[in-house]
Amino acid sequence: MSQSLPSCDSDVIHHEAVEDVRRILQKDTLSQDLATFFKLFSDPTRIKLLRALLVRELCVCDLAAVLGVTKSAVSHHLKALKLLNIVRYRREGQVVFYALADSHVESILSLGLEHITE
């Protein structure tokens, strides 16, 4: 027998709580930016690319070989990731190496992996 979730049978609204949250959300212009940020983590190929960069910095050719996709596909994903400062790059002669932008990105990936493997 399944147990039902408790429901709100009362017409009483906790006005102070509602107003506290509304005040914060009305001033909030970050929700769209945060949604866009997390959308970048919604593609399995992009996640594999980020996980590869979690191990070490790599160039486009190396990323394409690791992921088994074209260099064009890797470049497409990297462009989106660079726009939101999720990855950074450095040039060494003719070769451009990519890495995760900072420890925040590492933490997001690590926490996500930890969460789904619990």
PDB file of N, CA and C in Angstrom:
ATOM      1  N   MET A   1       0.843  -1.164   0.000  1.00  0.00           N
ATOM      2  CA  MET A   1       0.000   0.000   0.000  1.00  0.00           C
ATOM      3  C   MET A   1       0.897   1.238   0.000  1.00  0.00           C
ATOM      4  N   SER A   2       0.687   2.110  -0.962  1.00  0.00           N
ATOM      5  CA  SER A   2       1.529   3.302  -1.041  1.00  0.00           C
ATOM      6  C   SER A   2       1.025   4.376  -0.089  1.00  0.00           C
ATOM      7  N   GLN A   3       1.977   5.067   0.469  1.00  0.00           N
ATOM      8  CA  GLN A   3       1.655   6.117   1.420  1.00  0.00           C
ATOM      9  C   GLN A   3       1.607   7.444   0.671  1.00  0.00           C
ATOM     10  N   SER A   4       0.560   8.223   0.909  1.00  0.00           N
ATOM     11  CA  SER A   4       0.449   9.493   0.207  1.00  0.00           C
ATOM     12  C   SER A   4       1.245  10.573   0.946  1.00  0.00           C
ATOM     13  N   LEU A   5       1.657  11.551   0.188  1.00  0.00           N
ATOM     14  CA  LEU A   5       2.393  12.663   0.766  1.00  0.00           C
ATOM     15  C   LEU A   5       1.442  13.565   1.539  1.00  0.00           C
ATOM     16  N   PRO A   6       1.933  14.186   2.590  1.00  0.00           N
ATOM     17  CA  PRO A   6       1.060  15.105   3.317  1.00  0.00           C
ATOM     18  C   PRO A   6       0.672  16.262   2.407  1.00  0.00           C
ATOM     19  N   SER A   7      -0.561  16.735   2.573  1.00  0.00           N
ATOM     20  CA  SER A   7      -1.021  17.838   1.739  1.00  0.00           C
ATOM     21  C   SER A   7      -1.315  19.049   2.604  1.00  0.00           C
ATOM     22  N   CYS A   8      -1.482  20.151   1.950  1.00  0.00           N
ATOM     23  CA  CYS A   8      -1.791  21.399   2.636  1.00  0.00           C
ATOM     24  C   CYS A   8      -3.305  21.559   2.601  1.00  0.00           C
ATOM     25  N   ASP A   9      -3.989  21.075   3.648  1.00  0.00           N
ATOM     26  CA  ASP A   9      -5.448  21.117   3.699  1.00  0.00           C
ATOM     27  C   ASP A   9      -5.971  22.438   4.240  1.00  0.00           C
ATOM     28  N   SER A  10      -5.110  23.293   4.653  1.00  0.00           N
ATOM     29  CA  SER A  10      -5.500  24.544   5.278  1.00  0.00           C
ATOM     30  C   SER A  10      -5.401  25.687   4.285  1.00  0.00           C
ATOM     31  N   ASP A  11      -6.234  26.692   4.484  1.00  0.00           N
ATOM     32  CA  ASP A  11      -6.138  27.901   3.674  1.00  0.00           C
ATOM     33  C   ASP A  11      -5.164  28.891   4.296  1.00  0.00           C
ATOM     34  N   VAL A  12      -4.575  28.520   5.421  1.00  0.00           N
ATOM     35  CA  VAL A  12      -3.631  29.395   6.101  1.00  0.00           C
ATOM     36  C   VAL A  12      -2.317  29.380   5.330  1.00  0.00           C
ATOM     37  N   ILE A  13      -1.858  30.546   4.995  1.00  0.00           N
ATOM     38  CA  ILE A  13      -0.565  30.681   4.340  1.00  0.00           C
ATOM     39  C   ILE A  13       0.366  31.322   5.348  1.00  0.00           C
ATOM     40  N   HIS A  14       1.563  30.852   5.390  1.00  0.00           N
ATOM     41  CA  HIS A  14       2.564  31.417   6.293  1.00  0.00           C
ATOM     42  C   HIS A  14       3.107  32.678   5.641  1.00  0.00           C
ATOM     43  N   HIS A  15       2.377  33.763   5.856  1.00  0.00           N
ATOM     44  CA  HIS A  15       2.631  35.023   5.149  1.00  0.00           C
ATOM     45  C   HIS A  15       4.069  35.507   5.283  1.00  0.00           C
ATOM     46  N   GLU A  16       4.621  35.427   6.472  1.00  0.00           N
ATOM     47  CA  GLU A  16       5.978  35.919   6.673  1.00  0.00           C
ATOM     48  C   GLU A  16       6.973  35.104   5.845  1.00  0.00           C
ATOM     49  N   ALA A  17       6.813  33.803   5.839  1.00  0.00           N
ATOM     50  CA  ALA A  17       7.701  32.936   5.059  1.00  0.00           C
ATOM     51  C   ALA A  17       7.559  33.213   3.569  1.00  0.00           C
ATOM     52  N   VAL A  18       6.323  33.350   3.104  1.00  0.00           N
ATOM     53  CA  VAL A  18       6.066  33.618   1.694  1.00  0.00           C
ATOM     54  C   VAL A  18       6.687  34.956   1.297  1.00  0.00           C
ATOM     55  N   GLU A  19       6.502  35.969   2.099  1.00  0.00           N
ATOM     56  CA  GLU A  19       7.039  37.290   1.789  1.00  0.00           C
ATOM     57  C   GLU A  19       8.566  37.306   1.819  1.00  0.00           C
ATOM     58  N   ASP A  20       9.165  36.574   2.765  1.00  0.00           N
ATOM     59  CA  ASP A  20      10.634  36.485   2.818  1.00  0.00           C
ATOM     60  C   ASP A  20      11.188  35.926   1.518  1.00  0.00           C
ATOM     61  N   VAL A  21      10.601  34.854   1.059  1.00  0.00           N
ATOM     62  CA  VAL A  21      11.091  34.210  -0.167  1.00  0.00           C
ATOM     63  C   VAL A  21      10.777  35.059  -1.384  1.00  0.00           C
ATOM     64  N   ARG A  22       9.584  35.627  -1.450  1.00  0.00           N
ATOM     65  CA  ARG A  22       9.225  36.495  -2.582  1.00  0.00           C
ATOM     66  C   ARG A  22      10.188  37.671  -2.716  1.00  0.00           C
ATOM     67  N   ARG A  23      10.542  38.292  -1.577  1.00  0.00           N
ATOM     68  CA  ARG A  23      11.467  39.435  -1.607  1.00  0.00           C
ATOM     69  C   ARG A  23      12.791  39.032  -2.247  1.00  0.00           C
ATOM     70  N   ILE A  24      13.282  37.874  -1.892  1.00  0.00           N
ATOM     71  CA  ILE A  24      14.555  37.400  -2.437  1.00  0.00           C
ATOM     72  C   ILE A  24      14.422  37.074  -3.920  1.00  0.00           C
ATOM     73  N   LEU A  25      13.352  36.366  -4.289  1.00  0.00           N
ATOM     74  CA  LEU A  25      13.194  35.962  -5.684  1.00  0.00           C
ATOM     75  C   LEU A  25      12.874  37.134  -6.599  1.00  0.00           C
ATOM     76  N   GLN A  26      12.174  38.136  -6.109  1.00  0.00           N
ATOM     77  CA  GLN A  26      11.864  39.297  -6.948  1.00  0.00           C
ATOM     78  C   GLN A  26      13.122  40.083  -7.295  1.00  0.00           C
ATOM     79  N   LYS A  27      14.083  40.109  -6.405  1.00  0.00           N
ATOM     80  CA  LYS A  27      15.341  40.807  -6.658  1.00  0.00           C
ATOM     81  C   LYS A  27      16.297  39.931  -7.477  1.00  0.00           C
ATOM     82  N   ASP A  28      15.937  38.685  -7.610  1.00  0.00           N
ATOM     83  CA  ASP A  28      16.834  37.705  -8.215  1.00  0.00           C
ATOM     84  C   ASP A  28      16.840  37.802  -9.733  1.00  0.00           C
ATOM     85  N   THR A  29      17.971  38.212 -10.274  1.00  0.00           N
ATOM     86  CA  THR A  29      18.140  38.215 -11.729  1.00  0.00           C
ATOM     87  C   THR A  29      19.071  37.079 -12.152  1.00  0.00           C
ATOM     88  N   LEU A  30      19.476  36.271 -11.205  1.00  0.00           N
ATOM     89  CA  LEU A  30      20.442  35.218 -11.488  1.00  0.00           C
ATOM     90  C   LEU A  30      19.820  33.894 -11.921  1.00  0.00           C
ATOM     91  N   SER A  31      18.524  33.742 -11.750  1.00  0.00           N
ATOM     92  CA  SER A  31      17.888  32.453 -12.054  1.00  0.00           C
ATOM     93  C   SER A  31      18.102  32.022 -13.500  1.00  0.00           C
ATOM     94  N   GLN A  32      17.935  32.948 -14.448  1.00  0.00           N
ATOM     95  CA  GLN A  32      18.133  32.610 -15.855  1.00  0.00           C
ATOM     96  C   GLN A  32      19.587  32.257 -16.128  1.00  0.00           C
ATOM     97  N   ASP A  33      20.502  33.027 -15.548  1.00  0.00           N
ATOM     98  CA  ASP A  33      21.927  32.735 -15.732  1.00  0.00           C
ATOM     99  C   ASP A  33      22.291  31.374 -15.161  1.00  0.00           C
ATOM    100  N   LEU A  34      21.732  31.048 -14.012  1.00  0.00           N
ATOM    101  CA  LEU A  34      21.999  29.757 -13.391  1.00  0.00           C
ATOM    102  C   LEU A  34      21.414  28.617 -14.221  1.00  0.00           C
ATOM    103  N   ALA A  35      20.214  28.823 -14.757  1.00  0.00           N
ATOM    104  CA  ALA A  35      19.601  27.805 -15.620  1.00  0.00           C
ATOM    105  C   ALA A  35      20.452  27.569 -16.867  1.00  0.00           C
ATOM    106  N   THR A  36      20.949  28.643 -17.461  1.00  0.00           N
ATOM    107  CA  THR A  36      21.821  28.527 -18.636  1.00  0.00           C
ATOM    108  C   THR A  36      23.099  27.785 -18.284  1.00  0.00           C
ATOM    109  N   PHE A  37      23.658  28.114 -17.134  1.00  0.00           N
ATOM    110  CA  PHE A  37      24.875  27.452 -16.659  1.00  0.00           C
ATOM    111  C   PHE A  37      24.655  25.945 -16.540  1.00  0.00           C
ATOM    112  N   PHE A  38      23.564  25.539 -15.895  1.00  0.00           N
ATOM    113  CA  PHE A  38      23.319  24.113 -15.697  1.00  0.00           C
ATOM    114  C   PHE A  38      22.915  23.400 -16.989  1.00  0.00           C
ATOM    115  N   LYS A  39      22.364  24.113 -17.961  1.00  0.00           N
ATOM    116  CA  LYS A  39      22.050  23.497 -19.252  1.00  0.00           C
ATOM    117  C   LYS A  39      23.310  22.964 -19.918  1.00  0.00           C
ATOM    118  N   LEU A  40      24.424  23.649 -19.700  1.00  0.00           N
ATOM    119  CA  LEU A  40      25.679  23.194 -20.298  1.00  0.00           C
ATOM    120  C   LEU A  40      26.104  21.837 -19.762  1.00  0.00           C
ATOM    121  N   PHE A  41      25.597  21.459 -18.608  1.00  0.00           N
ATOM    122  CA  PHE A  41      25.926  20.163 -18.019  1.00  0.00           C
ATOM    123  C   PHE A  41      24.924  19.086 -18.436  1.00  0.00           C
ATOM    124  N   SER A  42      24.018  19.407 -19.349  1.00  0.00           N
ATOM    125  CA  SER A  42      22.954  18.463 -19.702  1.00  0.00           C
ATOM    126  C   SER A  42      23.286  17.578 -20.903  1.00  0.00           C
ATOM    127  N   ASP A  43      24.439  17.746 -21.493  1.00  0.00           N
ATOM    128  CA  ASP A  43      24.830  16.962 -22.665  1.00  0.00           C
ATOM    129  C   ASP A  43      25.889  15.937 -22.264  1.00  0.00           C
ATOM    130  N   PRO A  44      25.636  14.648 -22.522  1.00  0.00           N
ATOM    131  CA  PRO A  44      26.596  13.599 -22.120  1.00  0.00           C
ATOM    132  C   PRO A  44      27.996  13.779 -22.712  1.00  0.00           C
ATOM    133  N   THR A  45      28.091  14.236 -23.953  1.00  0.00           N
ATOM    134  CA  THR A  45      29.405  14.448 -24.562  1.00  0.00           C
ATOM    135  C   THR A  45      30.137  15.568 -23.839  1.00  0.00           C
ATOM    136  N   ARG A  46      29.402  16.633 -23.505  1.00  0.00           N
ATOM    137  CA  ARG A  46      30.012  17.747 -22.783  1.00  0.00           C
ATOM    138  C   ARG A  46      30.486  17.309 -21.406  1.00  0.00           C
ATOM    139  N   ILE A  47      29.703  16.459 -20.759  1.00  0.00           N
ATOM    140  CA  ILE A  47      30.103  15.940 -19.440  1.00  0.00           C
ATOM    141  C   ILE A  47      31.371  15.108 -19.572  1.00  0.00           C
ATOM    142  N   LYS A  48      31.453  14.260 -20.592  1.00  0.00           N
ATOM    143  CA  LYS A  48      32.670  13.470 -20.809  1.00  0.00           C
ATOM    144  C   LYS A  48      33.864  14.383 -21.057  1.00  0.00           C
ATOM    145  N   LEU A  49      33.644  15.438 -21.822  1.00  0.00           N
ATOM    146  CA  LEU A  49      34.708  16.395 -22.098  1.00  0.00           C
ATOM    147  C   LEU A  49      35.178  17.033 -20.793  1.00  0.00           C
ATOM    148  N   LEU A  50      34.248  17.456 -19.964  1.00  0.00           N
ATOM    149  CA  LEU A  50      34.605  18.072 -18.682  1.00  0.00           C
ATOM    150  C   LEU A  50      35.291  17.083 -17.758  1.00  0.00           C
ATOM    151  N   ARG A  51      34.822  15.849 -17.762  1.00  0.00           N
ATOM    152  CA  ARG A  51      35.470  14.827 -16.926  1.00  0.00           C
ATOM    153  C   ARG A  51      36.889  14.560 -17.399  1.00  0.00           C
ATOM    154  N   ALA A  52      37.098  14.594 -18.715  1.00  0.00           N
ATOM    155  CA  ALA A  52      38.456  14.421 -19.249  1.00  0.00           C
ATOM    156  C   ALA A  52      39.343  15.567 -18.769  1.00  0.00           C
ATOM    157  N   LEU A  53      38.805  16.787 -18.795  1.00  0.00           N
ATOM    158  CA  LEU A  53      39.576  17.942 -18.349  1.00  0.00           C
ATOM    159  C   LEU A  53      39.741  17.971 -16.834  1.00  0.00           C
ATOM    160  N   LEU A  54      38.922  17.214 -16.142  1.00  0.00           N
ATOM    161  CA  LEU A  54      39.095  17.066 -14.693  1.00  0.00           C
ATOM    162  C   LEU A  54      40.385  16.295 -14.409  1.00  0.00           C
ATOM    163  N   VAL A  55      40.756  15.405 -15.331  1.00  0.00           N
ATOM    164  CA  VAL A  55      41.981  14.608 -15.183  1.00  0.00           C
ATOM    165  C   VAL A  55      43.211  15.442 -15.531  1.00  0.00           C
ATOM    166  N   ARG A  56      43.147  16.145 -16.678  1.00  0.00           N
ATOM    167  CA  ARG A  56      44.292  16.968 -17.113  1.00  0.00           C
ATOM    168  C   ARG A  56      43.896  17.853 -18.281  1.00  0.00           C
ATOM    169  N   GLU A  57      44.705  18.855 -18.552  1.00  0.00           N
ATOM    170  CA  GLU A  57      44.435  19.719 -19.699  1.00  0.00           C
ATOM    171  C   GLU A  57      44.748  18.948 -20.980  1.00  0.00           C
ATOM    172  N   LEU A  58      43.971  19.246 -22.024  1.00  0.00           N
ATOM    173  CA  LEU A  58      44.120  18.554 -23.301  1.00  0.00           C
ATOM    174  C   LEU A  58      43.848  19.529 -24.444  1.00  0.00           C
ATOM    175  N   CYS A  59      44.397  19.221 -25.612  1.00  0.00           N
ATOM    176  CA  CYS A  59      44.106  20.011 -26.805  1.00  0.00           C
ATOM    177  C   CYS A  59      42.869  19.416 -27.495  1.00  0.00           C
ATOM    178  N   VAL A  60      42.369  20.118 -28.488  1.00  0.00           N
ATOM    179  CA  VAL A  60      41.168  19.680 -29.207  1.00  0.00           C
ATOM    180  C   VAL A  60      41.372  18.295 -29.818  1.00  0.00           C
ATOM    181  N   CYS A  61      42.535  18.058 -30.434  1.00  0.00           N
ATOM    182  CA  CYS A  61      42.799  16.752 -31.063  1.00  0.00           C
ATOM    183  C   CYS A  61      42.768  15.624 -30.029  1.00  0.00           C
ATOM    184  N   ASP A  62      43.391  15.862 -28.881  1.00  0.00           N
ATOM    185  CA  ASP A  62      43.407  14.847 -27.823  1.00  0.00           C
ATOM    186  C   ASP A  62      42.006  14.606 -27.271  1.00  0.00           C
ATOM    187  N   LEU A  63      41.244  15.694 -27.094  1.00  0.00           N
ATOM    188  CA  LEU A  63      39.865  15.535 -26.609  1.00  0.00           C
ATOM    189  C   LEU A  63      39.028  14.751 -27.611  1.00  0.00           C
ATOM    190  N   ALA A  64      39.197  15.028 -28.897  1.00  0.00           N
ATOM    191  CA  ALA A  64      38.458  14.300 -29.936  1.00  0.00           C
ATOM    192  C   ALA A  64      38.802  12.815 -29.884  1.00  0.00           C
ATOM    193  N   ALA A  65      40.088  12.493 -29.700  1.00  0.00           N
ATOM    194  CA  ALA A  65      40.517  11.096 -29.628  1.00  0.00           C
ATOM    195  C   ALA A  65      39.957  10.415 -28.381  1.00  0.00           C
ATOM    196  N   VAL A  66      39.997  11.106 -27.250  1.00  0.00           N
ATOM    197  CA  VAL A  66      39.486  10.532 -25.996  1.00  0.00           C
ATOM    198  C   VAL A  66      37.990  10.262 -26.098  1.00  0.00           C
ATOM    199  N   LEU A  67      37.247  11.215 -26.664  1.00  0.00           N
ATOM    200  CA  LEU A  67      35.787  11.110 -26.707  1.00  0.00           C
ATOM    201  C   LEU A  67      35.265  10.327 -27.906  1.00  0.00           C
ATOM    202  N   GLY A  68      36.119  10.133 -28.910  1.00  0.00           N
ATOM    203  CA  GLY A  68      35.679   9.427 -30.106  1.00  0.00           C
ATOM    204  C   GLY A  68      34.708  10.247 -30.941  1.00  0.00           C
ATOM    205  N   VAL A  69      34.916  11.568 -30.962  1.00  0.00           N
ATOM    206  CA  VAL A  69      34.089  12.470 -31.767  1.00  0.00           C
ATOM    207  C   VAL A  69      35.002  13.312 -32.636  1.00  0.00           C
ATOM    208  N   THR A  70      34.419  14.103 -33.515  1.00  0.00           N
ATOM    209  CA  THR A  70      35.228  14.929 -34.414  1.00  0.00           C
ATOM    210  C   THR A  70      35.805  16.139 -33.685  1.00  0.00           C
ATOM    211  N   LYS A  71      36.875  16.675 -34.246  1.00  0.00           N
ATOM    212  CA  LYS A  71      37.456  17.899 -33.701  1.00  0.00           C
ATOM    213  C   LYS A  71      36.450  19.042 -33.772  1.00  0.00           C
ATOM    214  N   SER A  72      35.637  19.031 -34.816  1.00  0.00           N
ATOM    215  CA  SER A  72      34.603  20.051 -34.974  1.00  0.00           C
ATOM    216  C   SER A  72      33.591  19.988 -33.824  1.00  0.00           C
ATOM    217  N   ALA A  73      33.192  18.788 -33.450  1.00  0.00           N
ATOM    218  CA  ALA A  73      32.242  18.615 -32.343  1.00  0.00           C
ATOM    219  C   ALA A  73      32.857  19.101 -31.031  1.00  0.00           C
ATOM    220  N   VAL A  74      34.123  18.768 -30.811  1.00  0.00           N
ATOM    221  CA  VAL A  74      34.812  19.205 -29.602  1.00  0.00           C
ATOM    222  C   VAL A  74      34.882  20.732 -29.572  1.00  0.00           C
ATOM    223  N   SER A  75      35.246  21.339 -30.684  1.00  0.00           N
ATOM    224  CA  SER A  75      35.346  22.795 -30.763  1.00  0.00           C
ATOM    225  C   SER A  75      34.002  23.459 -30.482  1.00  0.00           C
ATOM    226  N   HIS A  76      32.942  22.869 -31.006  1.00  0.00           N
ATOM    227  CA  HIS A  76      31.587  23.390 -30.775  1.00  0.00           C
ATOM    228  C   HIS A  76      31.265  23.394 -29.275  1.00  0.00           C
ATOM    229  N   HIS A  77      31.538  22.283 -28.606  1.00  0.00           N
ATOM    230  CA  HIS A  77      31.270  22.188 -27.168  1.00  0.00           C
ATOM    231  C   HIS A  77      32.165  23.154 -26.381  1.00  0.00           C
ATOM    232  N   LEU A  78      33.424  23.239 -26.751  1.00  0.00           N
ATOM    233  CA  LEU A  78      34.343  24.123 -26.047  1.00  0.00           C
ATOM    234  C   LEU A  78      33.933  25.593 -26.169  1.00  0.00           C
ATOM    235  N   LYS A  79      33.413  25.959 -27.320  1.00  0.00           N
ATOM    236  CA  LYS A  79      32.973  27.340 -27.516  1.00  0.00           C
ATOM    237  C   LYS A  79      31.883  27.699 -26.504  1.00  0.00           C
ATOM    238  N   ALA A  80      30.899  26.819 -26.360  1.00  0.00           N
ATOM    239  CA  ALA A  80      29.817  27.062 -25.396  1.00  0.00           C
ATOM    240  C   ALA A  80      30.351  27.106 -23.971  1.00  0.00           C
ATOM    241  N   LEU A  81      31.278  26.222 -23.662  1.00  0.00           N
ATOM    242  CA  LEU A  81      31.842  26.164 -22.309  1.00  0.00           C
ATOM    243  C   LEU A  81      32.724  27.378 -22.005  1.00  0.00           C
ATOM    244  N   LYS A  82      33.424  27.879 -23.019  1.00  0.00           N
ATOM    245  CA  LYS A  82      34.258  29.071 -22.830  1.00  0.00           C
ATOM    246  C   LYS A  82      33.402  30.307 -22.576  1.00  0.00           C
ATOM    247  N   LEU A  83      32.261  30.400 -23.260  1.00  0.00           N
ATOM    248  CA  LEU A  83      31.394  31.574 -23.118  1.00  0.00           C
ATOM    249  C   LEU A  83      30.926  31.774 -21.681  1.00  0.00           C
ATOM    250  N   LEU A  84      30.750  30.688 -20.949  1.00  0.00           N
ATOM    251  CA  LEU A  84      30.299  30.794 -19.563  1.00  0.00           C
ATOM    252  C   LEU A  84      31.433  30.552 -18.568  1.00  0.00           C
ATOM    253  N   ASN A  85      32.658  30.659 -19.059  1.00  0.00           N
ATOM    254  CA  ASN A  85      33.843  30.529 -18.196  1.00  0.00           C
ATOM    255  C   ASN A  85      33.893  29.208 -17.434  1.00  0.00           C
ATOM    256  N   ILE A  86      33.512  28.144 -18.099  1.00  0.00           N
ATOM    257  CA  ILE A  86      33.600  26.812 -17.500  1.00  0.00           C
ATOM    258  C   ILE A  86      34.940  26.181 -17.842  1.00  0.00           C
ATOM    259  N   VAL A  87      35.467  26.528 -19.014  1.00  0.00           N
ATOM    260  CA  VAL A  87      36.815  26.088 -19.383  1.00  0.00           C
ATOM    261  C   VAL A  87      37.662  27.314 -19.713  1.00  0.00           C
ATOM    262  N   ARG A  88      38.968  27.139 -19.595  1.00  0.00           N
ATOM    263  CA  ARG A  88      39.933  28.172 -19.977  1.00  0.00           C
ATOM    264  C   ARG A  88      40.904  27.527 -20.965  1.00  0.00           C
ATOM    265  N   TYR A  89      41.692  28.348 -21.603  1.00  0.00           N
ATOM    266  CA  TYR A  89      42.667  27.808 -22.557  1.00  0.00           C
ATOM    267  C   TYR A  89      43.974  28.564 -22.452  1.00  0.00           C
ATOM    268  N   ARG A  90      45.017  27.907 -22.938  1.00  0.00           N
ATOM    269  CA  ARG A  90      46.323  28.538 -23.046  1.00  0.00           C
ATOM    270  C   ARG A  90      46.960  28.047 -24.337  1.00  0.00           C
ATOM    271  N   ARG A  91      47.707  28.912 -24.954  1.00  0.00           N
ATOM    272  CA  ARG A  91      48.360  28.586 -26.219  1.00  0.00           C
ATOM    273  C   ARG A  91      49.818  28.244 -25.958  1.00  0.00           C
ATOM    274  N   GLU A  92      50.263  27.159 -26.584  1.00  0.00           N
ATOM    275  CA  GLU A  92      51.665  26.761 -26.546  1.00  0.00           C
ATOM    276  C   GLU A  92      52.091  26.566 -27.998  1.00  0.00           C
ATOM    277  N   GLY A  93      52.673  27.605 -28.587  1.00  0.00           N
ATOM    278  CA  GLY A  93      53.000  27.561 -30.012  1.00  0.00           C
ATOM    279  C   GLY A  93      51.716  27.529 -30.819  1.00  0.00           C
ATOM    280  N   GLN A  94      51.590  26.513 -31.656  1.00  0.00           N
ATOM    281  CA  GLN A  94      50.397  26.349 -32.495  1.00  0.00           C
ATOM    282  C   GLN A  94      49.264  25.611 -31.773  1.00  0.00           C
ATOM    283  N   VAL A  95      49.570  25.019 -30.636  1.00  0.00           N
ATOM    284  CA  VAL A  95      48.598  24.158 -29.947  1.00  0.00           C
ATOM    285  C   VAL A  95      47.908  24.928 -28.824  1.00  0.00           C
ATOM    286  N   VAL A  96      46.579  24.746 -28.741  1.00  0.00           N
ATOM    287  CA  VAL A  96      45.794  25.361 -27.675  1.00  0.00           C
ATOM    288  C   VAL A  96      45.352  24.255 -26.727  1.00  0.00           C
ATOM    289  N   PHE A  97      45.675  24.420 -25.467  1.00  0.00           N
ATOM    290  CA  PHE A  97      45.304  23.450 -24.437  1.00  0.00           C
ATOM    291  C   PHE A  97      44.135  23.998 -23.630  1.00  0.00           C
ATOM    292  N   TYR A  98      43.212  23.104 -23.299  1.00  0.00           N
ATOM    293  CA  TYR A  98      42.025  23.475 -22.523  1.00  0.00           C
ATOM    294  C   TYR A  98      42.072  22.817 -21.162  1.00  0.00           C
ATOM    295  N   ALA A  99      41.509  23.516 -20.182  1.00  0.00           N
ATOM    296  CA  ALA A  99      41.429  23.008 -18.812  1.00  0.00           C
ATOM    297  C   ALA A  99      40.148  23.555 -18.185  1.00  0.00           C
ATOM    298  N   LEU A 100      39.754  22.977 -17.068  1.00  0.00           N
ATOM    299  CA  LEU A 100      38.615  23.522 -16.338  1.00  0.00           C
ATOM    300  C   LEU A 100      38.993  24.917 -15.853  1.00  0.00           C
ATOM    301  N   ALA A 101      38.047  25.814 -15.836  1.00  0.00           N
ATOM    302  CA  ALA A 101      38.324  27.221 -15.531  1.00  0.00           C
ATOM    303  C   ALA A 101      38.817  27.432 -14.113  1.00  0.00           C
ATOM    304  N   ASP A 102      38.239  26.712 -13.161  1.00  0.00           N
ATOM    305  CA  ASP A 102      38.635  26.922 -11.766  1.00  0.00           C
ATOM    306  C   ASP A 102      38.125  25.796 -10.884  1.00  0.00           C
ATOM    307  N   SER A 103      38.421  25.916  -9.609  1.00  0.00           N
ATOM    308  CA  SER A 103      38.046  24.852  -8.663  1.00  0.00           C
ATOM    309  C   SER A 103      36.535  24.746  -8.475  1.00  0.00           C
ATOM    310  N   HIS A 104      35.791  25.814  -8.790  1.00  0.00           N
ATOM    311  CA  HIS A 104      34.328  25.731  -8.671  1.00  0.00           C
ATOM    312  C   HIS A 104      33.768  24.697  -9.641  1.00  0.00           C
ATOM    313  N   VAL A 105      34.277  24.706 -10.860  1.00  0.00           N
ATOM    314  CA  VAL A 105      33.808  23.745 -11.866  1.00  0.00           C
ATOM    315  C   VAL A 105      34.181  22.330 -11.427  1.00  0.00           C
ATOM    316  N   GLU A 106      35.388  22.161 -10.914  1.00  0.00           N
ATOM    317  CA  GLU A 106      35.806  20.857 -10.392  1.00  0.00           C
ATOM    318  C   GLU A 106      34.860  20.399  -9.293  1.00  0.00           C
ATOM    319  N   SER A 107      34.506  21.301  -8.394  1.00  0.00           N
ATOM    320  CA  SER A 107      33.606  20.965  -7.281  1.00  0.00           C
ATOM    321  C   SER A 107      32.224  20.565  -7.780  1.00  0.00           C
ATOM    322  N   ILE A 108      31.695  21.303  -8.749  1.00  0.00           N
ATOM    323  CA  ILE A 108      30.371  20.984  -9.301  1.00  0.00           C
ATOM    324  C   ILE A 108      30.372  19.588  -9.897  1.00  0.00           C
ATOM    325  N   LEU A 109      31.395  19.287 -10.696  1.00  0.00           N
ATOM    326  CA  LEU A 109      31.491  17.958 -11.303  1.00  0.00           C
ATOM    327  C   LEU A 109      31.648  16.876 -10.237  1.00  0.00           C
ATOM    328  N   SER A 110      32.536  17.107  -9.288  1.00  0.00           N
ATOM    329  CA  SER A 110      32.790  16.119  -8.240  1.00  0.00           C
ATOM    330  C   SER A 110      31.554  15.885  -7.382  1.00  0.00           C
ATOM    331  N   LEU A 111      30.857  16.953  -7.024  1.00  0.00           N
ATOM    332  CA  LEU A 111      29.646  16.804  -6.216  1.00  0.00           C
ATOM    333  C   LEU A 111      28.547  16.086  -6.995  1.00  0.00           C
ATOM    334  N   GLY A 112      28.418  16.415  -8.277  1.00  0.00           N
ATOM    335  CA  GLY A 112      27.422  15.716  -9.105  1.00  0.00           C
ATOM    336  C   GLY A 112      27.720  14.234  -9.202  1.00  0.00           C
ATOM    337  N   LEU A 113      28.981  13.896  -9.429  1.00  0.00           N
ATOM    338  CA  LEU A 113      29.374  12.487  -9.503  1.00  0.00           C
ATOM    339  C   LEU A 113      29.148  11.780  -8.170  1.00  0.00           C
ATOM    340  N   GLU A 114      29.504  12.461  -7.095  1.00  0.00           N
ATOM    341  CA  GLU A 114      29.292  11.883  -5.764  1.00  0.00           C
ATOM    342  C   GLU A 114      27.819  11.635  -5.489  1.00  0.00           C
ATOM    343  N   HIS A 115      26.989  12.588  -5.885  1.00  0.00           N
ATOM    344  CA  HIS A 115      25.547  12.470  -5.660  1.00  0.00           C
ATOM    345  C   HIS A 115      24.951  11.267  -6.403  1.00  0.00           C
ATOM    346  N   ILE A 116      25.315  11.113  -7.678  1.00  0.00           N
ATOM    347  CA  ILE A 116      24.690  10.041  -8.447  1.00  0.00           C
ATOM    348  C   ILE A 116      25.279   8.661  -8.153  1.00  0.00           C
ATOM    349  N   THR A 117      26.440   8.614  -7.525  1.00  0.00           N
ATOM    350  CA  THR A 117      27.035   7.313  -7.200  1.00  0.00           C
ATOM    351  C   THR A 117      26.801   6.884  -5.760  1.00  0.00           C
ATOM    352  N   GLU A 118      26.035   7.654  -4.994  1.00  0.00           N
ATOM    353  CA  GLU A 118      25.739   7.280  -3.599  1.00  0.00           C
ATOM    354  C   GLU A 118      24.906   6.027  -3.542  1.00  0.00           C
TER     355      GLU A 118
END
